[in-house]
Amino acid sequence: MKYLKRFVLMVQFLTRIPINVDLDATSEDYGKGLVFAPIVGLVIGALLVVSYMILSLIFPITMTAALLLVIYIFVTGGLHIDGLGDTFDGLFSNRSKERILEIMRDSRVGTNAVVAIFCLLLINWSVVSNINPENIVMVLMLFPVTGRIGSLIGAGVSVYAREGGGLGKSFIDFCSIKEIIIGMVPYLIIFFVTAGLRGLLLSIVPVISAFLLTKLFSRKIGGATGDILGAVCELNQVIFLISAYLMYR
């Protein structure tokens, strides 16, 4: 029951899929529940694939790709995109650690956030629009999985940067290398079943990029936050899309 509770908790937190159950979750449940993040990513991917199959019957690929991104944002509530914007606003402000953390917590959106989100969506749209039609279903299925493994790895290799509480504290404090190893099992199975041995080779890229992105973002503030985990998620997906395009073109 503990594991089912944590899986449902991750679905509730990482998506807007309506599961109205009061789980009475603890901070430990959030952190250790991240092992299910790749599976939640698979659920999101399946929704994107179904949406693609319907939309592609009506619209050209350029419009379909744009609508798929809208559906992705709707399903996830824009949670990780918000984290990307806050991360870029803070880290590229050239301020002290304390001021960077203040900016990242500020609900207002700055220029760096707007530019980062615009570039992210533009790249995602352009790659999805040009993916080989024979492989687009596979890519859409795996796209959200790579983002969620990014958040899992980011939390597992980090310390929390803020003093006191915050959205990401529960994830970072209770997620460790053990959770990364456990979460890698479904991640690799998903890639193998979806894309075969070639997919396993491709699965290495998001793992490496997640580690490097987390360490890069953590340098200025001595650790990670929930916003950084969100940024790693979104950027990991971009890197996967570009890698998949290059591998399957």
Protein backbone atom coordinates (compact mmCIF):
# COMPACT_ATOMS: atom_id res chain seq x y z
CA MET A 1 0.00 0.00 0.00
CA LYS A 2 2.88 2.35 0.75
CA TYR A 3 4.14 2.12 -2.81
CA LEU A 4 0.70 2.54 -4.34
CA LYS A 5 0.21 5.60 -2.15
CA ARG A 6 3.48 7.11 -3.38
CA PHE A 7 2.66 6.37 -7.01
CA VAL A 8 -0.73 8.06 -6.73
CA LEU A 9 0.97 10.95 -4.91
CA MET A 10 3.35 11.44 -7.83
CA VAL A 11 0.47 11.37 -10.31
CA GLN A 12 -1.31 14.02 -8.23
CA PHE A 13 1.77 16.22 -7.92
CA LEU A 14 3.33 15.87 -11.36
CA THR A 15 0.13 16.01 -13.40
CA ARG A 16 -3.34 17.54 -13.34
CA ILE A 17 -5.01 14.16 -13.76
CA PRO A 18 -7.95 14.36 -11.33
CA ILE A 19 -7.37 11.83 -8.55
CA ASN A 20 -9.22 13.29 -5.60
CA VAL A 21 -7.82 11.15 -2.79
CA ASP A 22 -6.47 12.49 0.50
CA LEU A 23 -3.26 10.50 0.95
CA ASP A 24 -2.01 12.10 4.18
CA ALA A 25 1.46 12.15 2.63
CA THR A 26 4.67 12.90 4.52
CA SER A 27 7.82 14.61 3.26
CA GLU A 28 9.41 11.18 2.98
CA ASP A 29 6.60 10.00 0.72
CA TYR A 30 7.34 12.87 -1.69
CA GLY A 31 11.08 12.22 -1.83
CA LYS A 32 10.96 8.46 -2.06
CA GLY A 33 7.93 8.60 -4.34
CA LEU A 34 10.14 10.09 -7.06
CA VAL A 35 11.12 6.52 -8.00
CA PHE A 36 7.74 6.44 -9.78
CA ALA A 37 8.43 9.64 -11.75
CA PRO A 38 9.46 7.79 -14.96
CA ILE A 39 6.21 5.79 -14.84
CA VAL A 40 4.21 8.99 -14.43
CA GLY A 41 6.14 10.27 -17.44
CA LEU A 42 4.96 7.20 -19.36
CA VAL A 43 1.36 8.04 -18.46
CA ILE A 44 1.85 11.57 -19.81
CA GLY A 45 3.52 10.13 -22.91
CA ALA A 46 0.57 7.81 -23.53
CA LEU A 47 -1.81 10.78 -23.37
CA LEU A 48 0.35 12.61 -25.91
CA VAL A 49 0.37 9.62 -28.24
CA VAL A 50 -3.43 9.28 -28.12
CA SER A 51 -3.74 13.03 -28.72
CA TYR A 52 -1.35 12.80 -31.67
CA MET A 53 -3.31 9.97 -33.27
CA ILE A 54 -6.50 12.01 -33.10
CA LEU A 55 -5.06 15.41 -34.03
CA SER A 56 -3.00 14.09 -36.94
CA LEU A 57 -6.20 12.95 -38.63
CA ILE A 58 -7.41 16.54 -38.70
CA PHE A 59 -4.40 18.87 -38.78
CA PRO A 60 -1.00 19.06 -40.51
CA ILE A 61 2.02 18.13 -38.41
CA THR A 62 2.96 21.74 -37.64
CA MET A 63 -0.41 22.46 -36.06
CA THR A 64 -0.49 19.05 -34.41
CA ALA A 65 2.90 19.67 -32.81
CA ALA A 66 1.74 23.02 -31.42
CA LEU A 67 -1.45 21.52 -30.02
CA LEU A 68 0.51 18.65 -28.45
CA LEU A 69 2.64 21.15 -26.55
CA VAL A 70 -0.51 22.87 -25.31
CA ILE A 71 -1.87 19.51 -24.16
CA TYR A 72 1.43 18.73 -22.43
CA ILE A 73 1.32 22.05 -20.56
CA PHE A 74 -2.31 21.44 -19.60
CA VAL A 75 -1.65 17.90 -18.32
CA THR A 76 1.39 18.95 -16.26
CA GLY A 77 -0.04 22.30 -15.17
CA GLY A 78 3.08 24.01 -16.48
CA LEU A 79 4.80 22.99 -13.23
CA HIS A 80 8.24 22.36 -14.66
CA ILE A 81 8.09 25.19 -17.17
CA ASP A 82 7.46 27.55 -14.26
CA GLY A 83 10.55 26.11 -12.58
CA LEU A 84 12.58 26.67 -15.75
CA GLY A 85 11.55 30.33 -15.85
CA ASP A 86 12.31 30.93 -12.18
CA THR A 87 15.69 29.19 -12.52
CA PHE A 88 16.77 31.33 -15.46
CA ASP A 89 15.53 34.52 -13.81
CA GLY A 90 17.57 33.75 -10.71
CA LEU A 91 20.76 32.18 -12.01
CA PHE A 92 21.24 34.67 -14.82
CA SER A 93 20.64 37.73 -12.64
CA ASN A 94 24.35 37.89 -11.69
CA ARG A 95 23.46 38.45 -8.02
CA SER A 96 24.55 36.90 -4.74
CA LYS A 97 23.31 33.47 -3.67
CA GLU A 98 20.77 34.99 -1.29
CA ARG A 99 19.39 37.34 -3.93
CA ILE A 100 19.27 34.58 -6.54
CA LEU A 101 17.15 32.46 -4.21
CA GLU A 102 14.85 35.42 -3.56
CA ILE A 103 14.39 36.01 -7.29
CA MET A 104 13.67 32.32 -7.89
CA ARG A 105 10.93 32.42 -5.24
CA ASP A 106 9.41 35.64 -6.63
CA SER A 107 6.17 34.92 -8.51
CA ARG A 108 6.85 37.69 -11.02
CA VAL A 109 8.27 36.74 -14.41
CA GLY A 110 11.42 38.40 -15.73
CA THR A 111 12.99 38.72 -19.17
CA ASN A 112 15.27 35.71 -18.71
CA ALA A 113 12.27 33.52 -17.89
CA VAL A 114 10.31 34.69 -20.94
CA VAL A 115 13.26 34.12 -23.27
CA ALA A 116 14.03 30.69 -21.80
CA ILE A 117 10.43 29.47 -22.03
CA PHE A 118 10.00 30.85 -25.55
CA CYS A 119 13.19 29.14 -26.76
CA LEU A 120 12.20 25.89 -25.04
CA LEU A 121 8.77 25.76 -26.68
CA LEU A 122 10.17 26.83 -30.05
CA ILE A 123 12.75 24.05 -30.06
CA ASN A 124 10.22 21.47 -28.86
CA TRP A 125 7.76 22.49 -31.57
CA SER A 126 10.36 22.52 -34.34
CA VAL A 127 11.76 19.10 -33.46
CA VAL A 128 8.36 17.41 -33.02
CA SER A 129 7.30 18.93 -36.35
CA ASN A 130 10.26 17.38 -38.10
CA ILE A 131 10.63 14.00 -36.42
CA ASN A 132 10.55 11.07 -38.80
CA PRO A 133 6.84 10.03 -38.97
CA GLU A 134 7.84 6.40 -38.43
CA ASN A 135 9.29 7.27 -35.02
CA ILE A 136 7.11 10.09 -33.75
CA VAL A 137 4.88 7.83 -31.60
CA MET A 138 7.95 6.38 -29.89
CA VAL A 139 9.45 9.83 -29.34
CA LEU A 140 6.23 11.26 -27.90
CA MET A 141 5.92 8.30 -25.55
CA LEU A 142 9.47 8.69 -24.22
CA PHE A 143 9.63 12.51 -24.21
CA PRO A 144 8.01 12.98 -20.75
CA VAL A 145 9.82 9.94 -19.32
CA THR A 146 13.18 11.60 -19.92
CA GLY A 147 12.03 14.74 -18.17
CA ARG A 148 10.92 12.89 -15.02
CA ILE A 149 14.11 10.83 -14.82
CA GLY A 150 15.85 14.21 -14.92
CA SER A 151 13.99 15.38 -11.83
CA LEU A 152 14.73 12.10 -10.05
CA ILE A 153 18.45 12.27 -10.79
CA GLY A 154 18.56 15.97 -9.94
CA ALA A 155 16.99 15.37 -6.54
CA GLY A 156 19.12 12.31 -5.82
CA VAL A 157 22.51 13.95 -6.42
CA SER A 158 21.74 17.28 -4.71
CA VAL A 159 21.49 18.97 -1.36
CA TYR A 160 18.79 21.55 -0.69
CA ALA A 161 20.05 25.07 -1.32
CA ARG A 162 17.69 27.07 0.90
CA GLU A 163 17.61 27.49 4.63
CA GLY A 164 14.22 26.42 5.92
CA GLY A 165 11.47 24.90 3.84
CA GLY A 166 10.51 25.04 0.20
CA LEU A 167 8.72 23.13 -2.52
CA GLY A 168 11.72 20.99 -3.42
CA LYS A 169 13.02 20.26 0.08
CA SER A 170 10.99 17.07 0.60
CA PHE A 171 12.11 15.69 -2.76
CA ILE A 172 15.80 16.49 -2.28
CA ASP A 173 16.08 15.54 1.40
CA PHE A 174 14.49 12.11 1.00
CA CYS A 175 15.74 11.16 -2.46
CA SER A 176 19.16 9.54 -2.72
CA ILE A 177 21.29 7.37 -4.98
CA LYS A 178 19.17 4.41 -3.85
CA GLU A 179 16.04 6.03 -5.28
CA ILE A 180 17.87 6.84 -8.52
CA ILE A 181 18.88 3.18 -8.92
CA ILE A 182 15.34 1.96 -8.21
CA GLY A 183 13.84 4.53 -10.59
CA MET A 184 16.30 3.60 -13.33
CA VAL A 185 14.82 0.09 -13.53
CA PRO A 186 11.40 1.12 -14.94
CA TYR A 187 13.10 3.88 -16.93
CA LEU A 188 15.31 1.42 -18.80
CA ILE A 189 12.48 -1.09 -19.22
CA ILE A 190 10.27 1.61 -20.74
CA PHE A 191 13.00 2.57 -23.21
CA PHE A 192 13.73 -1.04 -24.17
CA VAL A 193 10.08 -2.00 -24.66
CA THR A 194 9.33 1.19 -26.58
CA ALA A 195 12.46 1.53 -28.71
CA GLY A 196 14.49 -1.69 -28.43
CA LEU A 197 18.26 -1.91 -28.05
CA ARG A 198 18.75 1.31 -29.95
CA GLY A 199 16.46 2.97 -27.45
CA LEU A 200 18.62 1.74 -24.59
CA LEU A 201 21.56 3.51 -26.20
CA LEU A 202 19.49 6.68 -26.50
CA SER A 203 18.38 6.37 -22.85
CA ILE A 204 21.93 7.11 -21.68
CA VAL A 205 21.80 10.69 -22.99
CA PRO A 206 19.07 11.99 -20.60
CA VAL A 207 20.81 10.39 -17.62
CA ILE A 208 24.07 12.16 -18.39
CA SER A 209 22.41 15.47 -19.26
CA ALA A 210 20.35 15.44 -16.04
CA PHE A 211 23.46 14.97 -13.91
CA LEU A 212 25.43 17.67 -15.74
CA LEU A 213 22.56 20.19 -15.75
CA THR A 214 21.95 19.70 -12.02
CA LYS A 215 25.60 20.23 -11.17
CA LEU A 216 25.81 23.27 -13.46
CA PHE A 217 22.74 24.95 -11.96
CA SER A 218 23.75 24.08 -8.40
CA ARG A 219 27.16 25.74 -8.56
CA LYS A 220 26.01 29.30 -7.91
CA ILE A 221 23.73 28.54 -4.97
CA GLY A 222 25.41 25.52 -3.38
CA GLY A 223 22.58 23.09 -4.06
CA ALA A 224 19.28 22.60 -5.84
CA THR A 225 15.69 23.77 -5.36
CA GLY A 226 12.33 22.65 -6.70
CA ASP A 227 12.69 25.19 -9.50
CA ILE A 228 15.99 23.66 -10.56
CA LEU A 229 14.45 20.19 -10.62
CA GLY A 230 11.75 21.59 -12.91
CA ALA A 231 14.33 23.23 -15.16
CA VAL A 232 16.30 19.99 -15.43
CA CYS A 233 13.09 18.16 -16.35
CA GLU A 234 12.27 20.53 -19.21
CA LEU A 235 15.81 20.85 -20.55
CA ASN A 236 16.29 17.10 -20.38
CA GLN A 237 13.29 16.72 -22.67
CA VAL A 238 14.74 19.19 -25.17
CA ILE A 239 18.05 17.34 -25.21
CA PHE A 240 16.24 14.04 -25.70
CA LEU A 241 14.18 15.40 -28.60
CA ILE A 242 17.28 16.71 -30.37
CA SER A 243 19.13 13.41 -29.74
CA ALA A 244 16.19 11.39 -31.03
CA TYR A 245 15.94 13.56 -34.14
CA LEU A 246 19.64 13.05 -34.89
CA MET A 247 19.47 9.30 -34.26
CA TYR A 248 16.31 8.59 -36.28
CA ARG A 249 16.48 11.13 -39.11
